[in-house]
Amino acid sequence: MDPDLGRNGMVLYALQHPSNKSSSISPLPFAVDAQSGQVMVINSPLPEGRHALFIEASDQPANPSERRYSLAVVTIEVLRAGSKGSLLYFLNNSLCRLVY
């Protein structure tokens, strides 16, 4: 939360994509809600393995040169569980289970 008033207090979130757009890099199966910063799954099934997401949070001042931002790295490790329709994953080193 940004304690500033008006536009300076509005924080928006964005998923940063790798700058080298190689054809061997597949698109991430995740998206970030710009208003809340919530990470969402947009493609399923999720590919197994470790996914590093770079999420930028920035305020929205009237003068763009006064913009402040922060970058967070969110690591999601996806492991298949034994039963169909369930998935184990680690989100920043915390074990989670998704049933679908």
N, C-alpha and C. Protein backbone atom coordinates (compact mmCIF):
# COMPACT_ATOMS: atom_id res chain seq x y z
N MET A 1 0.84 -1.18 0.00
CA MET A 1 0.00 0.00 0.00
C MET A 1 0.89 1.24 0.00
N ASP A 2 0.52 2.18 -0.80
CA ASP A 2 1.26 3.44 -0.90
C ASP A 2 0.48 4.49 -0.12
N PRO A 3 1.11 5.15 0.90
CA PRO A 3 0.38 6.12 1.73
C PRO A 3 0.11 7.46 1.05
N ASP A 4 0.63 7.69 -0.16
CA ASP A 4 0.40 8.96 -0.85
C ASP A 4 -1.07 9.10 -1.24
N LEU A 5 -1.46 10.35 -1.51
CA LEU A 5 -2.84 10.63 -1.93
C LEU A 5 -2.95 10.66 -3.45
N GLY A 6 -4.17 10.48 -3.95
CA GLY A 6 -4.43 10.60 -5.39
C GLY A 6 -3.72 9.54 -6.20
N ARG A 7 -3.30 9.93 -7.41
CA ARG A 7 -2.65 8.99 -8.33
C ARG A 7 -1.36 8.43 -7.76
N ASN A 8 -0.65 9.23 -6.95
CA ASN A 8 0.59 8.74 -6.34
C ASN A 8 0.34 7.57 -5.41
N GLY A 9 -0.85 7.47 -4.88
CA GLY A 9 -1.19 6.37 -3.98
C GLY A 9 -1.72 5.14 -4.69
N MET A 10 -1.92 5.22 -6.00
CA MET A 10 -2.44 4.08 -6.76
C MET A 10 -1.26 3.20 -7.21
N VAL A 11 -1.26 1.95 -6.78
CA VAL A 11 -0.21 1.02 -7.15
C VAL A 11 -0.76 0.06 -8.20
N LEU A 12 -0.02 -0.10 -9.29
CA LEU A 12 -0.38 -1.05 -10.33
C LEU A 12 0.71 -2.11 -10.43
N TYR A 13 0.30 -3.33 -10.78
CA TYR A 13 1.21 -4.46 -10.85
C TYR A 13 1.30 -4.95 -12.29
N ALA A 14 2.49 -5.43 -12.66
CA ALA A 14 2.70 -5.94 -14.01
C ALA A 14 3.70 -7.08 -13.97
N LEU A 15 3.45 -8.08 -14.79
CA LEU A 15 4.37 -9.20 -14.96
C LEU A 15 5.42 -8.78 -15.98
N GLN A 16 6.68 -8.82 -15.59
CA GLN A 16 7.76 -8.46 -16.50
C GLN A 16 8.17 -9.69 -17.30
N HIS A 17 8.24 -9.55 -18.61
CA HIS A 17 8.61 -10.65 -19.49
C HIS A 17 10.08 -10.55 -19.83
N PRO A 18 10.72 -11.70 -20.12
CA PRO A 18 12.14 -11.66 -20.49
C PRO A 18 12.35 -10.74 -21.69
N SER A 19 13.45 -9.99 -21.67
CA SER A 19 13.71 -9.05 -22.75
C SER A 19 14.20 -9.73 -24.02
N ASN A 20 14.81 -10.92 -23.88
CA ASN A 20 15.27 -11.63 -25.07
C ASN A 20 14.17 -12.57 -25.55
N LYS A 21 13.41 -12.15 -26.51
CA LYS A 21 12.26 -12.90 -27.03
C LYS A 21 12.73 -14.01 -27.98
N SER A 22 13.39 -15.00 -27.41
CA SER A 22 13.86 -16.13 -28.21
C SER A 22 12.68 -17.04 -28.54
N SER A 23 12.73 -17.67 -29.70
CA SER A 23 11.64 -18.55 -30.09
C SER A 23 11.59 -19.80 -29.23
N SER A 24 12.68 -20.12 -28.51
CA SER A 24 12.70 -21.31 -27.66
C SER A 24 12.06 -21.06 -26.30
N ILE A 25 11.77 -19.81 -25.96
CA ILE A 25 11.14 -19.49 -24.68
C ILE A 25 9.63 -19.53 -24.85
N SER A 26 8.99 -20.43 -24.09
CA SER A 26 7.53 -20.51 -24.19
C SER A 26 6.90 -19.46 -23.28
N PRO A 27 5.70 -18.98 -23.62
CA PRO A 27 5.05 -17.97 -22.79
C PRO A 27 4.71 -18.53 -21.40
N LEU A 28 4.76 -17.68 -20.42
CA LEU A 28 4.45 -18.11 -19.06
C LEU A 28 2.97 -18.44 -18.93
N PRO A 29 2.63 -19.48 -18.16
CA PRO A 29 1.23 -19.84 -17.97
C PRO A 29 0.56 -19.03 -16.85
N PHE A 30 1.11 -17.87 -16.53
CA PHE A 30 0.61 -17.05 -15.44
C PHE A 30 0.34 -15.63 -15.92
N ALA A 31 -0.51 -14.94 -15.18
CA ALA A 31 -0.78 -13.52 -15.40
C ALA A 31 -0.89 -12.87 -14.03
N VAL A 32 -0.80 -11.55 -14.01
CA VAL A 32 -0.92 -10.79 -12.76
C VAL A 32 -2.03 -9.77 -12.93
N ASP A 33 -2.96 -9.72 -11.96
CA ASP A 33 -4.01 -8.72 -11.97
C ASP A 33 -3.38 -7.36 -11.69
N ALA A 34 -3.58 -6.41 -12.57
CA ALA A 34 -2.95 -5.09 -12.45
C ALA A 34 -3.37 -4.34 -11.20
N GLN A 35 -4.61 -4.53 -10.74
CA GLN A 35 -5.11 -3.79 -9.58
C GLN A 35 -4.71 -4.42 -8.24
N SER A 36 -4.79 -5.77 -8.15
CA SER A 36 -4.57 -6.45 -6.87
C SER A 36 -3.19 -7.08 -6.74
N GLY A 37 -2.54 -7.37 -7.86
CA GLY A 37 -1.26 -8.07 -7.82
C GLY A 37 -1.41 -9.58 -7.70
N GLN A 38 -2.63 -10.07 -7.74
CA GLN A 38 -2.88 -11.51 -7.60
C GLN A 38 -2.34 -12.25 -8.82
N VAL A 39 -1.60 -13.34 -8.56
CA VAL A 39 -1.07 -14.19 -9.63
C VAL A 39 -2.14 -15.21 -10.00
N MET A 40 -2.39 -15.33 -11.32
CA MET A 40 -3.43 -16.25 -11.81
C MET A 40 -2.83 -17.21 -12.81
N VAL A 41 -3.40 -18.42 -12.87
CA VAL A 41 -3.03 -19.41 -13.88
C VAL A 41 -3.89 -19.14 -15.11
N ILE A 42 -3.26 -18.98 -16.28
CA ILE A 42 -4.02 -18.69 -17.49
C ILE A 42 -3.96 -19.84 -18.50
N ASN A 43 -3.05 -20.79 -18.31
CA ASN A 43 -2.96 -21.96 -19.17
C ASN A 43 -2.88 -23.19 -18.30
N SER A 44 -3.64 -24.21 -18.62
CA SER A 44 -3.53 -25.46 -17.89
C SER A 44 -3.53 -26.59 -18.91
N PRO A 45 -2.91 -27.70 -18.63
CA PRO A 45 -2.24 -27.97 -17.35
C PRO A 45 -0.94 -27.17 -17.23
N LEU A 46 -0.57 -26.93 -15.99
CA LEU A 46 0.68 -26.22 -15.74
C LEU A 46 1.86 -27.12 -16.07
N PRO A 47 2.86 -26.60 -16.76
CA PRO A 47 4.04 -27.41 -17.01
C PRO A 47 4.83 -27.63 -15.72
N GLU A 48 5.31 -28.86 -15.53
CA GLU A 48 6.10 -29.16 -14.35
C GLU A 48 7.41 -28.38 -14.40
N GLY A 49 7.94 -28.10 -13.24
CA GLY A 49 9.22 -27.41 -13.15
C GLY A 49 9.11 -26.12 -12.36
N ARG A 50 10.20 -25.39 -12.35
CA ARG A 50 10.28 -24.14 -11.59
C ARG A 50 10.03 -22.96 -12.52
N HIS A 51 9.16 -22.06 -12.08
CA HIS A 51 8.82 -20.86 -12.84
C HIS A 51 9.18 -19.65 -11.98
N ALA A 52 9.96 -18.74 -12.51
CA ALA A 52 10.30 -17.51 -11.80
C ALA A 52 9.53 -16.37 -12.46
N LEU A 53 8.73 -15.69 -11.66
CA LEU A 53 7.95 -14.56 -12.15
C LEU A 53 8.56 -13.28 -11.58
N PHE A 54 8.72 -12.29 -12.44
CA PHE A 54 9.21 -10.99 -12.02
C PHE A 54 8.03 -10.03 -12.06
N ILE A 55 7.62 -9.57 -10.89
CA ILE A 55 6.43 -8.73 -10.78
C ILE A 55 6.83 -7.33 -10.32
N GLU A 56 6.41 -6.35 -11.10
CA GLU A 56 6.71 -4.95 -10.79
C GLU A 56 5.49 -4.29 -10.19
N ALA A 57 5.69 -3.55 -9.10
CA ALA A 57 4.65 -2.73 -8.49
C ALA A 57 5.10 -1.28 -8.64
N SER A 58 4.23 -0.43 -9.16
CA SER A 58 4.62 0.97 -9.36
C SER A 58 3.47 1.90 -9.03
N ASP A 59 3.84 3.10 -8.52
CA ASP A 59 2.81 4.11 -8.28
C ASP A 59 2.56 4.85 -9.59
N GLN A 60 1.58 5.74 -9.59
CA GLN A 60 1.13 6.39 -10.83
C GLN A 60 1.11 7.90 -10.68
N PRO A 61 2.28 8.53 -10.51
CA PRO A 61 2.28 9.99 -10.34
C PRO A 61 1.92 10.71 -11.65
N ALA A 62 1.47 11.96 -11.53
CA ALA A 62 1.14 12.75 -12.71
C ALA A 62 2.38 12.99 -13.57
N ASN A 63 3.53 13.16 -12.94
CA ASN A 63 4.78 13.35 -13.65
C ASN A 63 5.52 12.00 -13.71
N PRO A 64 5.64 11.37 -14.88
CA PRO A 64 6.27 10.05 -14.98
C PRO A 64 7.70 9.99 -14.44
N SER A 65 8.41 11.11 -14.42
CA SER A 65 9.78 11.10 -13.90
C SER A 65 9.81 10.89 -12.38
N GLU A 66 8.67 11.04 -11.71
CA GLU A 66 8.58 10.84 -10.26
C GLU A 66 8.10 9.43 -9.90
N ARG A 67 7.94 8.60 -10.89
CA ARG A 67 7.43 7.23 -10.68
C ARG A 67 8.38 6.42 -9.81
N ARG A 68 7.81 5.72 -8.86
CA ARG A 68 8.56 4.82 -7.98
C ARG A 68 8.06 3.41 -8.24
N TYR A 69 8.99 2.45 -8.21
CA TYR A 69 8.59 1.07 -8.44
C TYR A 69 9.46 0.12 -7.64
N SER A 70 8.96 -1.11 -7.52
CA SER A 70 9.69 -2.16 -6.84
C SER A 70 9.49 -3.44 -7.63
N LEU A 71 10.47 -4.31 -7.62
CA LEU A 71 10.41 -5.57 -8.35
C LEU A 71 10.51 -6.72 -7.36
N ALA A 72 9.61 -7.69 -7.48
CA ALA A 72 9.63 -8.88 -6.63
C ALA A 72 9.77 -10.11 -7.51
N VAL A 73 10.51 -11.09 -7.01
CA VAL A 73 10.64 -12.36 -7.70
C VAL A 73 9.78 -13.38 -6.97
N VAL A 74 8.84 -13.97 -7.69
CA VAL A 74 7.96 -15.01 -7.14
C VAL A 74 8.35 -16.31 -7.82
N THR A 75 8.70 -17.32 -7.02
CA THR A 75 9.10 -18.61 -7.57
C THR A 75 7.99 -19.63 -7.32
N ILE A 76 7.56 -20.29 -8.39
CA ILE A 76 6.54 -21.32 -8.30
C ILE A 76 7.14 -22.60 -8.85
N GLU A 77 7.16 -23.66 -8.04
CA GLU A 77 7.66 -24.95 -8.49
C GLU A 77 6.48 -25.91 -8.57
N VAL A 78 6.26 -26.46 -9.75
CA VAL A 78 5.10 -27.31 -10.01
C VAL A 78 5.54 -28.77 -10.05
N LEU A 79 4.88 -29.60 -9.23
CA LEU A 79 5.12 -31.04 -9.19
C LEU A 79 3.79 -31.76 -9.38
N ARG A 80 3.75 -32.80 -10.16
CA ARG A 80 2.52 -33.57 -10.33
C ARG A 80 2.29 -34.43 -9.11
N ALA A 81 1.07 -34.47 -8.64
CA ALA A 81 0.69 -35.32 -7.51
C ALA A 81 0.27 -36.68 -8.06
N GLY A 82 0.06 -37.63 -7.15
CA GLY A 82 -0.26 -38.99 -7.56
C GLY A 82 -1.63 -39.16 -8.20
N SER A 83 -2.61 -38.38 -7.82
CA SER A 83 -3.96 -38.57 -8.34
C SER A 83 -4.26 -37.58 -9.45
N LYS A 84 -5.12 -38.01 -10.37
CA LYS A 84 -5.50 -37.12 -11.47
C LYS A 84 -6.31 -35.95 -10.92
N GLY A 85 -6.05 -34.78 -11.46
CA GLY A 85 -6.80 -33.61 -11.04
C GLY A 85 -6.24 -32.93 -9.82
N SER A 86 -5.03 -33.29 -9.41
CA SER A 86 -4.44 -32.59 -8.28
C SER A 86 -2.99 -32.26 -8.61
N LEU A 87 -2.52 -31.19 -8.03
CA LEU A 87 -1.20 -30.67 -8.37
C LEU A 87 -0.57 -30.12 -7.10
N LEU A 88 0.70 -30.47 -6.88
CA LEU A 88 1.45 -29.90 -5.77
C LEU A 88 2.40 -28.85 -6.33
N TYR A 89 2.52 -27.75 -5.65
CA TYR A 89 3.46 -26.73 -6.10
C TYR A 89 4.00 -25.97 -4.91
N PHE A 90 5.15 -25.38 -5.10
CA PHE A 90 5.77 -24.55 -4.07
C PHE A 90 5.68 -23.11 -4.54
N LEU A 91 5.19 -22.25 -3.68
CA LEU A 91 5.12 -20.83 -3.95
C LEU A 91 6.00 -20.14 -2.93
N ASN A 92 7.14 -19.62 -3.37
CA ASN A 92 8.13 -19.01 -2.47
C ASN A 92 8.43 -19.89 -1.27
N ASN A 93 8.74 -21.16 -1.55
CA ASN A 93 9.15 -22.17 -0.58
C ASN A 93 8.03 -22.66 0.34
N SER A 94 6.77 -22.34 0.05
CA SER A 94 5.65 -22.87 0.82
C SER A 94 4.92 -23.91 -0.03
N LEU A 95 4.71 -25.10 0.53
CA LEU A 95 4.03 -26.17 -0.19
C LEU A 95 2.54 -25.86 -0.28
N CYS A 96 1.98 -25.94 -1.49
CA CYS A 96 0.56 -25.70 -1.72
C CYS A 96 0.01 -26.87 -2.53
N ARG A 97 -1.28 -27.07 -2.48
CA ARG A 97 -1.93 -28.11 -3.28
C ARG A 97 -3.12 -27.49 -3.99
N LEU A 98 -3.18 -27.76 -5.28
CA LEU A 98 -4.27 -27.27 -6.11
C LEU A 98 -5.03 -28.47 -6.62
N VAL A 99 -6.33 -28.50 -6.41
CA VAL A 99 -7.18 -29.58 -6.91
C VAL A 99 -8.05 -29.00 -7.99
N TYR A 100 -8.06 -29.64 -9.18
CA TYR A 100 -8.85 -29.13 -10.29
C TYR A 100 -9.55 -30.27 -11.00
